[in-house]
Protein backbone atom coordinates (compact mmCIF):
# COMPACT_ATOMS: atom_id res chain seq x y z
CA MET A 1 43.56 -26.90 161.80
CA ASN A 2 44.12 -23.67 163.71
CA LYS A 3 46.24 -25.47 166.30
CA TYR A 4 48.98 -25.82 163.67
CA ILE A 5 48.95 -22.11 162.81
CA THR A 6 51.00 -20.92 165.70
CA LYS A 7 53.76 -18.34 165.92
CA LYS A 8 56.27 -21.13 166.47
CA ASN A 9 55.18 -23.04 163.36
CA ILE A 10 55.14 -19.89 161.27
CA LEU A 11 58.66 -19.03 162.39
CA LEU A 12 59.87 -22.58 161.72
CA THR A 13 58.33 -22.47 158.23
CA LEU A 14 59.96 -19.13 157.46
CA LEU A 15 63.29 -20.41 158.77
CA LEU A 16 63.04 -23.54 156.63
CA ALA A 17 62.17 -21.44 153.56
CA PHE A 18 65.12 -19.15 154.29
CA ILE A 19 67.46 -22.14 154.49
CA VAL A 20 66.10 -23.66 151.27
CA ILE A 21 66.53 -20.48 149.18
CA GLN A 22 70.21 -20.36 150.13
CA PHE A 23 70.67 -23.29 147.74
CA PHE A 24 69.83 -20.96 144.82
CA PRO A 25 72.84 -18.59 144.64
CA ILE A 26 73.23 -15.87 142.04
CA ASP A 27 75.76 -15.99 139.22
CA LYS A 28 78.63 -13.66 140.16
CA THR A 29 80.62 -14.14 136.98
CA ASN A 30 81.52 -10.82 135.34
CA PRO A 31 81.91 -10.68 131.56
CA PRO A 32 85.47 -9.91 130.40
CA VAL A 33 86.44 -6.23 130.38
CA GLU A 34 87.73 -4.78 127.09
CA LEU A 35 89.45 -1.55 128.07
CA GLU A 36 89.28 -0.10 124.55
CA LYS A 37 85.47 0.05 124.95
CA ASP A 38 85.35 1.37 128.52
CA LEU A 39 83.95 4.84 129.25
CA ILE A 40 86.75 5.88 131.61
CA GLU A 41 89.45 4.70 129.19
CA LEU A 42 87.83 6.52 126.28
CA THR A 43 87.03 9.80 128.04
CA ASN A 44 89.89 10.05 130.58
CA PRO A 45 87.96 11.95 133.29
CA PRO A 46 89.64 13.63 136.28
CA ALA A 47 90.74 11.20 139.00
CA GLU A 48 87.93 12.23 141.38
CA ILE A 49 85.27 11.68 138.71
CA ALA A 50 86.78 8.32 137.72
CA ALA A 51 86.81 7.21 141.37
CA ASN A 52 83.14 8.16 141.86
CA LEU A 53 82.17 6.43 138.63
CA LYS A 54 83.84 3.24 139.85
CA THR A 55 82.29 3.48 143.33
CA MET A 56 78.82 4.77 142.53
CA CYS A 57 78.09 3.57 138.98
CA TYR A 58 80.23 0.64 137.88
CA ASP A 59 78.75 -1.96 140.24
CA CYS A 60 75.47 -1.95 138.31
CA HIS A 61 76.47 -0.33 135.01
CA SER A 62 79.61 -2.17 133.91
CA HIS A 63 81.30 -5.55 133.72
CA GLU A 64 83.22 -4.71 136.93
CA SER A 65 80.48 -5.46 139.45
CA ARG A 66 81.62 -6.13 143.01
CA TYR A 67 79.79 -8.67 145.17
CA PRO A 68 80.11 -7.93 148.93
CA TRP A 69 79.48 -10.55 151.60
CA TYR A 70 75.73 -9.89 151.76
CA THR A 71 75.37 -10.98 148.12
CA ASN A 72 75.77 -14.53 149.49
CA ILE A 73 72.46 -14.26 151.33
CA ALA A 74 69.16 -14.81 149.50
CA PRO A 75 66.79 -13.09 148.89
CA PHE A 76 69.00 -9.97 149.18
CA SER A 77 71.34 -11.45 146.58
CA TRP A 78 68.46 -11.84 144.12
CA ARG A 79 67.50 -8.19 144.42
CA ILE A 80 71.10 -7.08 143.93
CA LYS A 81 71.51 -9.33 140.89
CA SER A 82 68.32 -7.91 139.44
CA HIS A 83 69.72 -4.39 139.89
CA ILE A 84 72.93 -5.38 138.10
CA ASP A 85 71.19 -7.11 135.19
CA ASN A 86 68.76 -4.24 134.68
CA GLY A 87 71.51 -1.65 135.09
CA ARG A 88 73.76 -3.27 132.47
CA ARG A 89 70.82 -3.65 130.11
CA HIS A 90 69.94 0.03 130.35
CA LEU A 91 73.47 1.48 130.41
CA ASN A 92 76.78 -0.41 130.31
CA PHE A 93 79.91 1.72 130.64
CA SER A 94 82.05 -1.32 129.74
CA LEU A 95 80.43 -1.30 126.28
CA TRP A 96 80.59 2.47 125.76
CA GLY A 97 82.81 2.03 122.70
CA GLU A 98 80.10 -0.05 121.01
CA TYR A 99 77.40 2.59 121.36
CA THR A 100 76.49 4.71 118.35
CA GLU A 101 76.88 8.48 118.53
CA LYS A 102 73.12 8.88 118.81
CA LYS A 103 72.85 6.36 121.64
CA ARG A 104 75.75 7.97 123.52
CA ALA A 105 74.14 11.38 123.34
CA HIS A 106 70.87 9.96 124.67
CA LYS A 107 72.59 8.10 127.52
CA LEU A 108 74.65 11.17 128.45
CA ASP A 109 71.45 13.23 128.66
CA GLU A 110 70.01 10.61 131.01
CA CYS A 111 73.19 10.62 133.13
CA VAL A 112 73.06 14.41 133.47
CA ASP A 113 69.41 14.18 134.51
CA MET A 114 70.10 11.43 137.08
CA CYS A 115 72.96 13.44 138.61
CA THR A 116 71.04 16.72 138.64
CA LYS A 117 68.11 15.10 140.45
CA HIS A 118 70.30 12.82 142.65
CA TRP A 119 68.24 9.82 141.49
CA MET A 120 71.23 7.53 141.08
CA PRO A 121 72.52 5.44 142.72
CA THR A 122 69.36 3.93 144.21
CA LEU A 123 68.50 4.55 147.87
CA ASP A 124 69.41 1.03 149.05
CA TYR A 125 72.78 1.32 147.30
CA LYS A 126 73.43 4.66 149.02
CA LEU A 127 72.61 3.11 152.39
CA MET A 128 75.25 0.42 151.87
CA HIS A 129 77.94 2.42 150.07
CA GLY A 130 77.42 6.04 151.08
CA ARG A 131 76.37 8.91 148.88
CA MET A 132 77.97 11.71 146.90
CA SER A 133 77.84 15.30 148.09
CA ASP A 134 75.92 17.98 146.20
CA GLU A 135 79.24 19.25 144.83
CA GLU A 136 80.23 15.77 143.62
CA TYR A 137 76.86 15.36 141.90
CA SER A 138 77.35 18.72 140.16
CA GLU A 139 80.87 17.77 139.03
CA MET A 140 79.62 14.43 137.72
CA ALA A 141 76.80 16.12 135.78
CA ALA A 142 79.30 18.61 134.33
CA PHE A 143 81.55 15.73 133.23
CA PHE A 144 78.70 13.98 131.40
CA GLU A 145 77.64 17.26 129.80
CA SER A 146 81.17 18.04 128.60
CA THR A 147 81.56 14.51 127.22
CA LYS A 148 78.38 15.00 125.20
CA ILE A 149 79.60 18.32 123.80
CA GLN A 150 83.18 17.35 123.01
CA LYS A 151 82.57 13.92 121.45
CA SER A 152 86.34 13.61 121.52
CA THR A 153 86.33 9.88 120.84
CA LEU A 154 84.40 10.39 117.60
CA SER A 155 86.85 12.68 115.86
CA ASP A 156 89.27 10.37 114.08
CA PHE A 157 89.87 7.03 112.40
CA ASP A 158 93.33 6.34 113.78
CA TYR A 159 92.37 2.74 114.56
CA LEU A 160 92.55 2.06 110.79
CA LEU A 161 96.21 3.04 110.49
CA GLY A 162 98.74 0.42 109.43
CA SER A 163 98.73 -2.67 107.23
CA TRP A 164 96.13 -5.42 107.41
CA LYS A 165 95.76 -8.89 105.90
CA ARG A 166 92.46 -10.61 105.23
CA THR A 167 91.92 -13.91 107.06
CA ASP A 168 88.75 -15.15 105.34
CA ASP A 169 89.89 -14.98 101.70
CA GLU A 170 88.99 -17.45 98.99
CA GLU A 171 91.53 -20.23 98.55
CA GLY A 172 94.57 -19.03 96.63
CA ASN A 173 93.81 -15.34 97.14
CA GLN A 174 95.51 -12.86 99.43
CA THR A 175 93.91 -9.52 100.19
CA PHE A 176 95.74 -6.65 101.84
CA GLU A 177 94.62 -3.26 103.06
CA SER A 178 96.69 -0.34 104.34
CA TRP A 179 95.77 3.05 105.76
CA LYS A 180 97.75 6.21 106.40
CA LYS A 181 96.80 9.59 107.85
CA GLU A 182 97.52 12.44 105.49
CA SER A 183 96.13 15.12 107.81
CA GLU A 184 93.66 15.58 110.67
CA SER A 185 90.89 15.68 108.09
CA LYS A 186 92.00 13.07 105.55
CA TYR A 187 92.83 9.34 105.61
CA ILE A 188 93.98 7.35 102.59
CA GLY A 189 93.49 3.60 102.19
CA ARG A 190 94.60 1.14 99.56
CA SER A 191 93.22 -2.36 99.09
CA TYR A 192 94.34 -5.05 96.66
CA THR A 193 93.85 -8.78 96.10
CA LEU A 194 96.56 -11.10 94.74
CA ASN A 195 96.41 -14.58 93.29
CA GLY A 196 99.99 -15.69 92.90
CA GLU A 197 101.63 -12.84 91.02
CA ASP A 198 98.37 -11.66 89.46
CA THR A 199 96.49 -8.66 90.86
CA LEU A 200 92.82 -9.51 90.81
CA SER A 201 91.45 -6.24 92.14
CA GLN A 202 92.52 -3.02 93.77
CA GLU A 203 90.88 0.14 94.99
CA LEU A 204 91.81 3.48 96.49
CA MET A 205 89.82 4.83 99.45
CA THR A 206 89.76 8.24 101.08
CA ILE A 207 88.00 9.36 104.25
CA SER A 208 87.76 13.14 104.23
CA LYS A 209 86.17 15.62 106.59
CA TYR A 210 83.85 18.19 105.10
CA PRO A 211 82.23 21.08 107.00
CA ASP A 212 79.12 19.10 107.90
CA ASN A 213 80.26 15.44 107.85
CA TRP A 214 82.87 12.83 106.98
CA MET A 215 82.76 11.30 103.48
CA LEU A 216 84.21 8.05 102.14
CA GLY A 217 85.40 7.93 98.53
CA VAL A 218 86.12 4.66 96.72
CA GLN A 219 87.84 4.61 93.32
CA LEU A 220 88.66 1.59 91.16
CA PRO A 221 91.37 1.64 88.45
CA GLY A 222 90.08 3.18 85.24
CA GLU A 223 87.17 4.96 86.89
CA PRO A 224 87.13 8.73 86.26
CA ALA A 225 85.94 9.66 89.75
CA GLU A 226 85.36 8.35 93.23
CA THR A 227 82.07 6.86 94.34
CA MET A 228 81.13 8.91 97.38
CA PHE A 229 79.54 7.53 100.56
CA THR A 230 78.06 9.68 103.34
CA MET A 231 78.61 9.01 107.03
CA LYS A 232 75.57 7.19 108.41
CA ASP A 233 76.86 6.22 111.86
CA MET A 234 80.08 6.36 113.88
CA ASP A 235 81.45 5.61 117.32
CA ALA A 236 84.90 5.24 118.86
CA THR A 237 85.85 2.05 116.99
CA SER A 238 83.43 1.68 114.09
CA PHE A 239 81.68 3.47 111.26
CA VAL A 240 79.03 3.03 108.58
CA PHE A 241 79.03 4.91 105.27
CA GLU A 242 76.08 4.87 102.89
CA SER A 243 75.35 5.60 99.25
CA LYS A 244 71.71 4.97 98.42
CA GLU A 245 72.29 5.74 94.74
CA ASN A 246 75.14 3.26 94.24
CA GLU A 247 74.13 -0.10 92.80
CA PHE A 248 76.54 -2.06 95.02
CA PRO A 249 77.58 -1.63 97.70
CA LYS A 250 75.14 0.71 99.35
CA LEU A 251 76.65 0.32 102.83
CA ILE A 252 80.29 0.02 103.93
CA LYS A 253 80.86 -0.94 107.57
CA TYR A 254 84.08 -1.20 109.60
CA LYS A 255 84.55 -2.32 113.19
CA ALA A 256 87.92 -2.36 114.97
CA SER A 257 88.99 -4.41 117.97
CA GLU A 258 92.44 -5.15 119.34
CA GLY A 259 94.53 -6.37 116.40
CA ARG A 260 91.45 -7.00 114.25
CA LEU A 261 89.44 -5.14 111.67
CA ASP A 262 86.06 -6.46 110.53
CA ALA A 263 84.38 -4.96 107.49
CA GLU A 264 81.28 -5.56 105.43
CA ILE A 265 79.95 -4.26 102.15
CA SER A 266 76.26 -4.76 101.51
CA GLY A 267 73.33 -3.77 99.37
CA ASP A 268 69.79 -5.00 98.89
CA ASP A 269 69.92 -8.71 99.81
CA MET A 270 73.68 -9.25 99.54
CA ALA A 271 76.40 -8.80 102.16
CA ILE A 272 80.09 -9.65 101.91
CA PRO A 273 82.12 -9.79 105.15
CA PHE A 274 85.87 -9.18 105.44
CA SER A 275 88.04 -10.00 108.45
CA PHE A 276 91.55 -8.54 108.75
CA VAL A 277 94.41 -8.93 111.22
CA LYS A 278 97.14 -6.36 111.84
CA MET A 279 100.42 -7.13 110.07
């Protein structure tokens, strides 16, 4: 038996295994990039910061991963793909616009910590792509810290502005919604449903900024006062308002994407979705 365990046979076995694993390439397909959700697009950092983010962070933490020539060679390609999958799962700058305010704050704290301690990128990535200077690390940390403090992308609801038409209405009905900005601290919306020439329902909505939070008011015709909802969650393109005391709805959710507005009212075990397109 031992006569087969020679250096030559071991090397031939390793060579054969190396050849075989080349038939198991990694998937290099990047998900589509939606710029309205991207960190750089939403925060508009200085050019030097944006360049370092692209070079040092986006390969593993975005949908813009680059795959150099050595990603064609297994098992190196498997390790790199694992880095990318884990990186996107933990923090994805291409989905920054989908993160809640709470999640953003947590991720920004982690980014500051990683930059302060020079823990990211990983050592093998630095060996292949170079590394940032101490000054560049400090500037990057300062950028993440300032982004956390300013929360500039969470200060308005301008994505609501304009006229919208519902696309998932009941047959024969047409529902419209329009929003205008009265001031930096107040938005006014009007929604109504038509069936032929008959108005089936209508409501007036206001989103107003108070000292400690945003509030959503909803008023139906004939009601003496608005039903008030408190901000529960918010990010750059979506929000959730809540009123635990209201019978229905208890939650009102809106999510904007390019040319679309998806909403939902819900309470207890019932949820009603609404999909709108820009008119």
